Amino acid sequence: MITKTINLDVAEKSDTSYGEVATKLNVVETELDKAEERGEMAETKSSELEEELKNLANNLRTLEAASEKYQQKEAAYIADIQSLEDKLADVSYMICYCSRQFYN
């Protein structure tokens, strides 16, 4: 009889331990599912951010190329302005010289 009681106690403890372990397993599985879902969301977000980064890099390259092109145009315009200013100075000098010659 004592052996039966001990066996019943052991069986009850085993059932209780099994129930606790099963409950913990369910909790862990639920947490795992949530973690996997968060991981998938993070991967999706990461992919979106990588794509956005590629687009921004392409835009930056385009803007840098345009900037270089416009800097070259600006340098050409500055050279043209300087040339026109020099011609204006020459014409002004010629007008002054001709005026002096005409009135003398």
N, C-alpha and C. Protein backbone atom coordinates (compact mmCIF):
# COMPACT_ATOMS: atom_id res chain seq x y z
N MET A 1 0.80 -1.17 0.00
CA MET A 1 0.00 0.00 0.00
C MET A 1 0.86 1.26 0.00
N ILE A 2 1.91 1.28 0.75
CA ILE A 2 2.81 2.43 0.80
C ILE A 2 3.44 2.63 -0.58
N THR A 3 3.76 1.55 -1.23
CA THR A 3 4.37 1.63 -2.56
C THR A 3 3.39 2.24 -3.54
N LYS A 4 2.11 1.86 -3.41
CA LYS A 4 1.09 2.43 -4.29
C LYS A 4 0.94 3.92 -4.02
N THR A 5 0.97 4.31 -2.78
CA THR A 5 0.83 5.72 -2.42
C THR A 5 2.02 6.51 -2.95
N ILE A 6 3.20 5.92 -2.78
CA ILE A 6 4.41 6.59 -3.28
C ILE A 6 4.33 6.70 -4.80
N ASN A 7 3.90 5.60 -5.44
CA ASN A 7 3.78 5.63 -6.90
C ASN A 7 2.75 6.67 -7.34
N LEU A 8 1.64 6.80 -6.60
CA LEU A 8 0.63 7.81 -6.93
C LEU A 8 1.20 9.21 -6.74
N ASP A 9 1.94 9.40 -5.64
CA ASP A 9 2.57 10.70 -5.41
C ASP A 9 3.55 11.04 -6.53
N VAL A 10 4.35 10.07 -6.91
CA VAL A 10 5.31 10.28 -8.00
C VAL A 10 4.56 10.58 -9.29
N ALA A 11 3.48 9.86 -9.54
CA ALA A 11 2.69 10.07 -10.75
C ALA A 11 2.06 11.45 -10.73
N GLU A 12 1.51 11.86 -9.60
CA GLU A 12 0.91 13.19 -9.49
C GLU A 12 1.96 14.29 -9.68
N LYS A 13 3.12 14.10 -9.07
CA LYS A 13 4.20 15.08 -9.24
C LYS A 13 4.64 15.13 -10.70
N SER A 14 4.72 13.97 -11.32
CA SER A 14 5.10 13.91 -12.73
C SER A 14 4.06 14.62 -13.58
N ASP A 15 2.79 14.38 -13.30
CA ASP A 15 1.72 15.05 -14.05
C ASP A 15 1.78 16.56 -13.84
N THR A 16 2.01 16.96 -12.60
CA THR A 16 2.11 18.39 -12.29
C THR A 16 3.31 19.01 -13.02
N SER A 17 4.46 18.30 -12.96
CA SER A 17 5.66 18.79 -13.64
C SER A 17 5.42 18.85 -15.15
N TYR A 18 4.76 17.82 -15.68
CA TYR A 18 4.46 17.80 -17.12
C TYR A 18 3.57 18.99 -17.48
N GLY A 19 2.56 19.25 -16.66
CA GLY A 19 1.66 20.38 -16.90
C GLY A 19 2.40 21.70 -16.88
N GLU A 20 3.30 21.87 -15.93
CA GLU A 20 4.08 23.10 -15.84
C GLU A 20 5.00 23.25 -17.05
N VAL A 21 5.64 22.14 -17.42
CA VAL A 21 6.54 22.17 -18.58
C VAL A 21 5.75 22.44 -19.84
N ALA A 22 4.58 21.83 -19.98
CA ALA A 22 3.74 22.07 -21.16
C ALA A 22 3.31 23.52 -21.22
N THR A 23 2.95 24.10 -20.09
CA THR A 23 2.55 25.51 -20.04
C THR A 23 3.73 26.40 -20.43
N LYS A 24 4.90 26.11 -19.87
CA LYS A 24 6.09 26.89 -20.21
C LYS A 24 6.42 26.75 -21.70
N LEU A 25 6.26 25.53 -22.22
CA LEU A 25 6.52 25.30 -23.64
C LEU A 25 5.57 26.12 -24.50
N ASN A 26 4.31 26.19 -24.13
CA ASN A 26 3.35 27.01 -24.87
C ASN A 26 3.73 28.48 -24.84
N VAL A 27 4.16 28.95 -23.67
CA VAL A 27 4.57 30.34 -23.54
C VAL A 27 5.79 30.61 -24.43
N VAL A 28 6.76 29.71 -24.38
CA VAL A 28 7.97 29.87 -25.18
C VAL A 28 7.64 29.82 -26.68
N GLU A 29 6.75 28.92 -27.08
CA GLU A 29 6.36 28.84 -28.49
C GLU A 29 5.66 30.11 -28.94
N THR A 30 4.82 30.66 -28.06
CA THR A 30 4.15 31.93 -28.37
C THR A 30 5.17 33.05 -28.53
N GLU A 31 6.11 33.11 -27.61
CA GLU A 31 7.16 34.13 -27.69
C GLU A 31 8.00 33.94 -28.95
N LEU A 32 8.28 32.68 -29.31
CA LEU A 32 9.04 32.39 -30.52
C LEU A 32 8.28 32.88 -31.75
N ASP A 33 6.98 32.60 -31.80
CA ASP A 33 6.17 33.06 -32.93
C ASP A 33 6.21 34.59 -33.04
N LYS A 34 6.08 35.26 -31.91
CA LYS A 34 6.13 36.73 -31.92
C LYS A 34 7.51 37.22 -32.37
N ALA A 35 8.55 36.55 -31.88
CA ALA A 35 9.91 36.95 -32.26
C ALA A 35 10.14 36.73 -33.76
N GLU A 36 9.63 35.62 -34.29
CA GLU A 36 9.77 35.35 -35.73
C GLU A 36 9.02 36.40 -36.53
N GLU A 37 7.85 36.78 -36.07
CA GLU A 37 7.07 37.81 -36.75
C GLU A 37 7.81 39.15 -36.74
N ARG A 38 8.38 39.49 -35.58
CA ARG A 38 9.17 40.74 -35.49
C ARG A 38 10.39 40.66 -36.41
N GLY A 39 11.00 39.49 -36.47
CA GLY A 39 12.16 39.30 -37.35
C GLY A 39 11.79 39.48 -38.81
N GLU A 40 10.65 38.93 -39.21
CA GLU A 40 10.19 39.08 -40.59
C GLU A 40 9.88 40.54 -40.90
N MET A 41 9.26 41.22 -39.94
CA MET A 41 8.96 42.64 -40.13
C MET A 41 10.25 43.45 -40.25
N ALA A 42 11.23 43.09 -39.43
CA ALA A 42 12.52 43.79 -39.47
C ALA A 42 13.22 43.54 -40.81
N GLU A 43 13.14 42.32 -41.31
CA GLU A 43 13.73 42.01 -42.62
C GLU A 43 13.06 42.82 -43.71
N THR A 44 11.74 42.91 -43.67
CA THR A 44 11.00 43.68 -44.67
C THR A 44 11.41 45.15 -44.59
N LYS A 45 11.46 45.69 -43.39
CA LYS A 45 11.86 47.08 -43.21
C LYS A 45 13.29 47.29 -43.69
N SER A 46 14.15 46.34 -43.38
CA SER A 46 15.54 46.43 -43.81
C SER A 46 15.64 46.45 -45.33
N SER A 47 14.87 45.60 -45.99
CA SER A 47 14.86 45.58 -47.46
C SER A 47 14.36 46.91 -48.02
N GLU A 48 13.31 47.44 -47.40
CA GLU A 48 12.78 48.74 -47.86
C GLU A 48 13.83 49.83 -47.68
N LEU A 49 14.52 49.82 -46.55
CA LEU A 49 15.53 50.84 -46.29
C LEU A 49 16.72 50.69 -47.24
N GLU A 50 17.10 49.45 -47.55
CA GLU A 50 18.18 49.23 -48.51
C GLU A 50 17.80 49.77 -49.88
N GLU A 51 16.57 49.53 -50.30
CA GLU A 51 16.09 50.03 -51.59
C GLU A 51 16.09 51.56 -51.59
N GLU A 52 15.62 52.15 -50.50
CA GLU A 52 15.61 53.62 -50.40
C GLU A 52 17.04 54.16 -50.43
N LEU A 53 17.96 53.47 -49.77
CA LEU A 53 19.35 53.90 -49.77
C LEU A 53 19.94 53.85 -51.18
N LYS A 54 19.61 52.79 -51.93
CA LYS A 54 20.08 52.70 -53.32
C LYS A 54 19.53 53.86 -54.14
N ASN A 55 18.25 54.16 -53.96
CA ASN A 55 17.65 55.28 -54.70
C ASN A 55 18.31 56.60 -54.33
N LEU A 56 18.57 56.80 -53.05
CA LEU A 56 19.23 58.03 -52.61
C LEU A 56 20.65 58.13 -53.17
N ALA A 57 21.35 57.00 -53.20
CA ALA A 57 22.70 57.00 -53.76
C ALA A 57 22.67 57.36 -55.24
N ASN A 58 21.70 56.79 -55.97
CA ASN A 58 21.56 57.13 -57.40
C ASN A 58 21.23 58.61 -57.58
N ASN A 59 20.32 59.11 -56.75
CA ASN A 59 19.97 60.54 -56.82
C ASN A 59 21.18 61.41 -56.53
N LEU A 60 21.97 61.01 -55.54
CA LEU A 60 23.16 61.77 -55.19
C LEU A 60 24.14 61.81 -56.36
N ARG A 61 24.36 60.65 -57.00
CA ARG A 61 25.26 60.61 -58.16
C ARG A 61 24.75 61.52 -59.27
N THR A 62 23.44 61.49 -59.50
CA THR A 62 22.85 62.34 -60.53
C THR A 62 23.05 63.81 -60.20
N LEU A 63 22.80 64.17 -58.95
CA LEU A 63 22.98 65.56 -58.54
C LEU A 63 24.44 65.99 -58.61
N GLU A 64 25.35 65.10 -58.25
CA GLU A 64 26.77 65.44 -58.33
C GLU A 64 27.19 65.68 -59.78
N ALA A 65 26.69 64.83 -60.70
CA ALA A 65 27.00 65.01 -62.11
C ALA A 65 26.43 66.33 -62.62
N ALA A 66 25.20 66.64 -62.23
CA ALA A 66 24.58 67.90 -62.65
C ALA A 66 25.34 69.08 -62.06
N SER A 67 25.76 68.96 -60.81
CA SER A 67 26.50 70.04 -60.16
C SER A 67 27.80 70.30 -60.91
N GLU A 68 28.49 69.26 -61.29
CA GLU A 68 29.75 69.41 -62.03
C GLU A 68 29.49 70.09 -63.38
N LYS A 69 28.43 69.67 -64.04
CA LYS A 69 28.07 70.26 -65.34
C LYS A 69 27.79 71.76 -65.18
N TYR A 70 27.02 72.11 -64.15
CA TYR A 70 26.68 73.52 -63.95
C TYR A 70 27.87 74.34 -63.47
N GLN A 71 28.80 73.72 -62.77
CA GLN A 71 30.01 74.43 -62.38
C GLN A 71 30.85 74.76 -63.61
N GLN A 72 30.88 73.83 -64.56
CA GLN A 72 31.61 74.08 -65.80
C GLN A 72 30.94 75.21 -66.59
N LYS A 73 29.60 75.19 -66.63
CA LYS A 73 28.88 76.26 -67.31
C LYS A 73 29.14 77.60 -66.63
N GLU A 74 29.14 77.60 -65.31
CA GLU A 74 29.39 78.82 -64.56
C GLU A 74 30.78 79.37 -64.88
N ALA A 75 31.77 78.49 -64.92
CA ALA A 75 33.13 78.92 -65.25
C ALA A 75 33.17 79.52 -66.65
N ALA A 76 32.46 78.91 -67.59
CA ALA A 76 32.41 79.44 -68.96
C ALA A 76 31.73 80.80 -68.97
N TYR A 77 30.65 80.96 -68.21
CA TYR A 77 29.96 82.25 -68.16
C TYR A 77 30.86 83.32 -67.55
N ILE A 78 31.58 82.96 -66.52
CA ILE A 78 32.49 83.93 -65.90
C ILE A 78 33.55 84.36 -66.90
N ALA A 79 34.08 83.40 -67.66
CA ALA A 79 35.08 83.73 -68.69
C ALA A 79 34.46 84.64 -69.75
N ASP A 80 33.23 84.35 -70.16
CA ASP A 80 32.53 85.19 -71.15
C ASP A 80 32.33 86.61 -70.61
N ILE A 81 31.91 86.72 -69.37
CA ILE A 81 31.69 88.04 -68.74
C ILE A 81 33.01 88.81 -68.71
N GLN A 82 34.08 88.14 -68.33
CA GLN A 82 35.38 88.80 -68.27
C GLN A 82 35.79 89.29 -69.66
N SER A 83 35.57 88.46 -70.66
CA SER A 83 35.90 88.84 -72.03
C SER A 83 35.08 90.05 -72.47
N LEU A 84 33.77 90.04 -72.16
CA LEU A 84 32.92 91.17 -72.53
C LEU A 84 33.31 92.43 -71.78
N GLU A 85 33.69 92.30 -70.51
CA GLU A 85 34.15 93.46 -69.74
C GLU A 85 35.43 94.03 -70.34
N ASP A 86 36.33 93.14 -70.76
CA ASP A 86 37.57 93.60 -71.40
C ASP A 86 37.26 94.34 -72.70
N LYS A 87 36.33 93.78 -73.50
CA LYS A 87 35.95 94.44 -74.76
C LYS A 87 35.31 95.79 -74.48
N LEU A 88 34.47 95.86 -73.45
CA LEU A 88 33.83 97.11 -73.07
C LEU A 88 34.89 98.15 -72.69
N ALA A 89 35.89 97.72 -71.92
CA ALA A 89 36.96 98.63 -71.52
C ALA A 89 37.71 99.13 -72.75
N ASP A 90 37.97 98.21 -73.71
CA ASP A 90 38.66 98.60 -74.94
C ASP A 90 37.83 99.61 -75.73
N VAL A 91 36.52 99.35 -75.84
CA VAL A 91 35.64 100.25 -76.59
C VAL A 91 35.56 101.61 -75.89
N SER A 92 35.48 101.60 -74.57
CA SER A 92 35.44 102.85 -73.82
C SER A 92 36.71 103.65 -74.06
N TYR A 93 37.84 102.97 -74.05
CA TYR A 93 39.12 103.64 -74.31
C TYR A 93 39.12 104.22 -75.72
N MET A 94 38.64 103.45 -76.68
CA MET A 94 38.62 103.91 -78.07
C MET A 94 37.70 105.13 -78.21
N ILE A 95 36.57 105.13 -77.53
CA ILE A 95 35.65 106.26 -77.59
C ILE A 95 36.31 107.51 -77.02
N CYS A 96 36.98 107.36 -75.91
CA CYS A 96 37.67 108.49 -75.29
C CYS A 96 38.75 109.02 -76.23
N TYR A 97 39.51 108.10 -76.79
CA TYR A 97 40.59 108.48 -77.70
C TYR A 97 40.04 109.20 -78.93
N CYS A 98 38.97 108.65 -79.52
CA CYS A 98 38.36 109.25 -80.71
C CYS A 98 37.76 110.62 -80.38
N SER A 99 37.16 110.72 -79.21
CA SER A 99 36.59 112.01 -78.79
C SER A 99 37.67 113.05 -78.68
N ARG A 100 38.80 112.72 -78.13
CA ARG A 100 39.91 113.65 -77.99
C ARG A 100 40.44 114.05 -79.37
N GLN A 101 40.53 113.07 -80.24
CA GLN A 101 41.04 113.34 -81.59
C GLN A 101 40.06 114.24 -82.35
N PHE A 102 38.80 114.03 -82.17
CA PHE A 102 37.78 114.77 -82.89
C PHE A 102 37.72 116.21 -82.42
N TYR A 103 37.84 116.40 -81.10
CA TYR A 103 37.72 117.75 -80.56
C TYR A 103 39.02 118.52 -80.61
N ASN A 104 40.11 117.87 -80.90
CA ASN A 104 41.40 118.57 -80.95
C ASN A 104 41.68 119.08 -82.30
